[in-house]
C-alpha atoms as a PDB file:
ATOM      1  CA  UNK A   1      -0.381  -0.342  -0.032  1.00  0.00           C
ATOM      2  CA  UNK A   2       1.304   3.318  -0.663  1.00  0.00           C
ATOM      3  CA  UNK A   3       0.331   4.735   2.877  1.00  0.00           C
ATOM      4  CA  UNK A   4      -2.424   6.653   1.882  1.00  0.00           C
ATOM      5  CA  UNK A   5      -5.622   6.625   3.553  1.00  0.00           C
ATOM      6  CA  UNK A   6      -9.100   5.754   2.001  1.00  0.00           C
ATOM      7  CA  UNK A   7     -11.211   8.794   1.212  1.00  0.00           C
ATOM      8  CA  UNK A   8     -13.753   9.278   4.614  1.00  0.00           C
ATOM      9  CA  UNK A   9     -17.393   9.523   3.638  1.00  0.00           C
ATOM     10  CA  UNK A  10     -19.239  12.180   6.025  1.00  0.00           C
ATOM     11  CA  UNK A  11     -22.638  13.323   6.060  1.00  0.00           C
ATOM     12  CA  UNK A  12     -21.356  16.244   4.191  1.00  0.00           C
ATOM     13  CA  UNK A  13     -20.523  14.074   1.284  1.00  0.00           C
ATOM     14  CA  UNK A  14     -23.872  12.233   1.452  1.00  0.00           C
ATOM     15  CA  UNK A  15     -26.230  14.853   2.281  1.00  0.00           C
ATOM     16  CA  UNK A  16     -27.612  16.140   5.507  1.00  0.00           C
ATOM     17  CA  UNK A  17     -30.501  13.561   5.730  1.00  0.00           C
ATOM     18  CA  UNK A  18     -27.681  10.798   6.116  1.00  0.00           C
ATOM     19  CA  UNK A  19     -24.959   9.924   8.880  1.00  0.00           C
ATOM     20  CA  UNK A  20     -22.765   7.215   8.494  1.00  0.00           C
ATOM     21  CA  UNK A  21     -21.194   4.802  11.127  1.00  0.00           C
ATOM     22  CA  UNK A  22     -19.318   1.580  10.407  1.00  0.00           C
ATOM     23  CA  UNK A  23     -17.932  -1.092  12.564  1.00  0.00           C
ATOM     24  CA  UNK A  24     -15.537  -3.580  11.431  1.00  0.00           C
ATOM     25  CA  UNK A  25     -18.712  -5.935  10.840  1.00  0.00           C
ATOM     26  CA  UNK A  26     -21.004  -3.275   9.283  1.00  0.00           C
ATOM     27  CA  UNK A  27     -23.252  -2.862  12.224  1.00  0.00           C
ATOM     28  CA  UNK A  28     -24.111   0.251  14.046  1.00  0.00           C
ATOM     29  CA  UNK A  29     -21.445   0.876  17.096  1.00  0.00           C
ATOM     30  CA  UNK A  30     -22.446  -1.338  20.198  1.00  0.00           C
ATOM     31  CA  UNK A  31     -21.400   1.645  22.421  1.00  0.00           C
ATOM     32  CA  UNK A  32     -24.146   3.747  21.084  1.00  0.00           C
ATOM     33  CA  UNK A  33     -26.568   1.520  23.125  1.00  0.00           C
ATOM     34  CA  UNK A  34     -29.450   1.344  20.291  1.00  0.00           C
ATOM     35  CA  UNK A  35     -31.521  -1.293  20.165  1.00  0.00           C
ATOM     36  CA  UNK A  36     -34.521  -1.496  17.691  1.00  0.00           C
ATOM     37  CA  UNK A  37     -38.157  -1.880  18.241  1.00  0.00           C
ATOM     38  CA  UNK A  38     -38.597  -5.011  16.073  1.00  0.00           C
ATOM     39  CA  UNK A  39     -36.343  -7.808  16.887  1.00  0.00           C
ATOM     40  CA  UNK A  40     -36.061  -8.856  13.204  1.00  0.00           C
ATOM     41  CA  UNK A  41     -34.930  -6.387  10.501  1.00  0.00           C
ATOM     42  CA  UNK A  42     -37.167  -5.423   7.212  1.00  0.00           C
ATOM     43  CA  UNK A  43     -34.466  -7.164   4.840  1.00  0.00           C
ATOM     44  CA  UNK A  44     -34.200  -5.815   1.341  1.00  0.00           C
ATOM     45  CA  UNK A  45     -31.911  -7.056  -1.729  1.00  0.00           C
ATOM     46  CA  UNK A  46     -30.659  -4.070  -3.924  1.00  0.00           C
ATOM     47  CA  UNK A  47     -29.687  -4.354  -7.611  1.00  0.00           C
ATOM     48  CA  UNK A  48     -26.410  -6.155  -7.146  1.00  0.00           C
ATOM     49  CA  UNK A  49     -27.766  -8.705  -5.060  1.00  0.00           C
ATOM     50  CA  UNK A  50     -26.404  -6.917  -1.520  1.00  0.00           C
ATOM     51  CA  UNK A  51     -28.418  -7.580   1.287  1.00  0.00           C
ATOM     52  CA  UNK A  52     -29.608  -4.741   3.642  1.00  0.00           C
ATOM     53  CA  UNK A  53     -31.088  -4.828   6.981  1.00  0.00           C
ATOM     54  CA  UNK A  54     -33.241  -1.599   7.728  1.00  0.00           C
ATOM     55  CA  UNK A  55     -34.680  -1.099  11.378  1.00  0.00           C
ATOM     56  CA  UNK A  56     -36.467   1.775  12.899  1.00  0.00           C
ATOM     57  CA  UNK A  57     -34.806   3.215  16.145  1.00  0.00           C
ATOM     58  CA  UNK A  58     -35.383   5.757  18.878  1.00  0.00           C
ATOM     59  CA  UNK A  59     -32.585   7.958  18.897  1.00  0.00           C
ATOM     60  CA  UNK A  60     -32.708  10.033  22.255  1.00  0.00           C
ATOM     61  CA  UNK A  61     -29.530  11.129  22.192  1.00  0.00           C
ATOM     62  CA  UNK A  62     -28.445  14.839  22.303  1.00  0.00           C
ATOM     63  CA  UNK A  63     -26.624  14.680  18.786  1.00  0.00           C
ATOM     64  CA  UNK A  64     -29.569  12.975  17.028  1.00  0.00           C
ATOM     65  CA  UNK A  65     -31.447  14.894  14.263  1.00  0.00           C
ATOM     66  CA  UNK A  66     -34.909  13.386  15.034  1.00  0.00           C
ATOM     67  CA  UNK A  67     -36.467  11.589  17.632  1.00  0.00           C
ATOM     68  CA  UNK A  68     -36.091   8.182  15.423  1.00  0.00           C
ATOM     69  CA  UNK A  69     -34.319   7.306  12.529  1.00  0.00           C
ATOM     70  CA  UNK A  70     -34.005   4.236  10.153  1.00  0.00           C
ATOM     71  CA  UNK A  71     -30.610   2.046  10.328  1.00  0.00           C
ATOM     72  CA  UNK A  72     -29.604   0.811   7.023  1.00  0.00           C
ATOM     73  CA  UNK A  73     -27.138  -1.767   7.081  1.00  0.00           C
ATOM     74  CA  UNK A  74     -25.263  -4.146   5.012  1.00  0.00           C
ATOM     75  CA  UNK A  75     -21.879  -5.782   5.529  1.00  0.00           C
ATOM     76  CA  UNK A  76     -19.995  -3.154   4.420  1.00  0.00           C
ATOM     77  CA  UNK A  77     -22.093  -0.216   5.505  1.00  0.00           C
ATOM     78  CA  UNK A  78     -24.314   1.581   7.937  1.00  0.00           C
ATOM     79  CA  UNK A  79     -26.493   4.553   6.778  1.00  0.00           C
ATOM     80  CA  UNK A  80     -28.672   6.520   9.223  1.00  0.00           C
ATOM     81  CA  UNK A  81     -31.854   7.904   7.520  1.00  0.00           C
ATOM     82  CA  UNK A  82     -33.193  11.146   9.465  1.00  0.00           C
ATOM     83  CA  UNK A  83     -36.173  11.503   6.939  1.00  0.00           C
ATOM     84  CA  UNK A  84     -38.652   8.657   5.981  1.00  0.00           C
ATOM     85  CA  UNK A  85     -42.253   7.934   5.235  1.00  0.00           C
ATOM     86  CA  UNK A  86     -44.216   6.552   8.445  1.00  0.00           C
ATOM     87  CA  UNK A  87     -44.873   3.441   5.705  1.00  0.00           C
ATOM     88  CA  UNK A  88     -41.346   2.848   5.129  1.00  0.00           C
ATOM     89  CA  UNK A  89     -41.910  -1.194   5.283  1.00  0.00           C
ATOM     90  CA  UNK A  90     -43.933  -0.880   2.282  1.00  0.00           C
ATOM     91  CA  UNK A  91     -41.498   0.477  -0.303  1.00  0.00           C
ATOM     92  CA  UNK A  92     -39.662  -1.609  -2.631  1.00  0.00           C
ATOM     93  CA  UNK A  93     -36.077  -2.430  -1.925  1.00  0.00           C
ATOM     94  CA  UNK A  94     -34.976   0.617  -4.837  1.00  0.00           C
ATOM     95  CA  UNK A  95     -37.412   3.041  -3.149  1.00  0.00           C
ATOM     96  CA  UNK A  96     -36.107   2.565   0.472  1.00  0.00           C
ATOM     97  CA  UNK A  97     -32.698   2.560  -0.531  1.00  0.00           C
ATOM     98  CA  UNK A  98     -32.899   5.798  -2.146  1.00  0.00           C
ATOM     99  CA  UNK A  99     -34.290   7.264   1.054  1.00  0.00           C
ATOM    100  CA  UNK A 100     -31.807   9.835   2.164  1.00  0.00           C
ATOM    101  CA  UNK A 101     -29.868   9.834  -0.501  1.00  0.00           C
ATOM    102  CA  UNK A 102     -27.901  12.957  -1.539  1.00  0.00           C
ATOM    103  CA  UNK A 103     -28.994  13.584  -5.350  1.00  0.00           C
END
């Protein structure tokens, strides 16, 4: 390796509706102490065959942008979505995975 670090992706890059956090397993950091309302996540598969788990969480932390968020996670990435419809479970995979993305 050349000693350069990979680019850092932040909410400034992704847009104001999303914040990112990833651990080595692609999950939300355990020290954040979050627990989903449902024990079983809503699972969708994108066009590349990547499986994404989607959970809605209460976010009482002082840094939170809203009282609740969706956590959308794959094996390689975790994304928080702060603005989403109440019927998000009825969305198809493409529409659900587009939530919060910067255009």
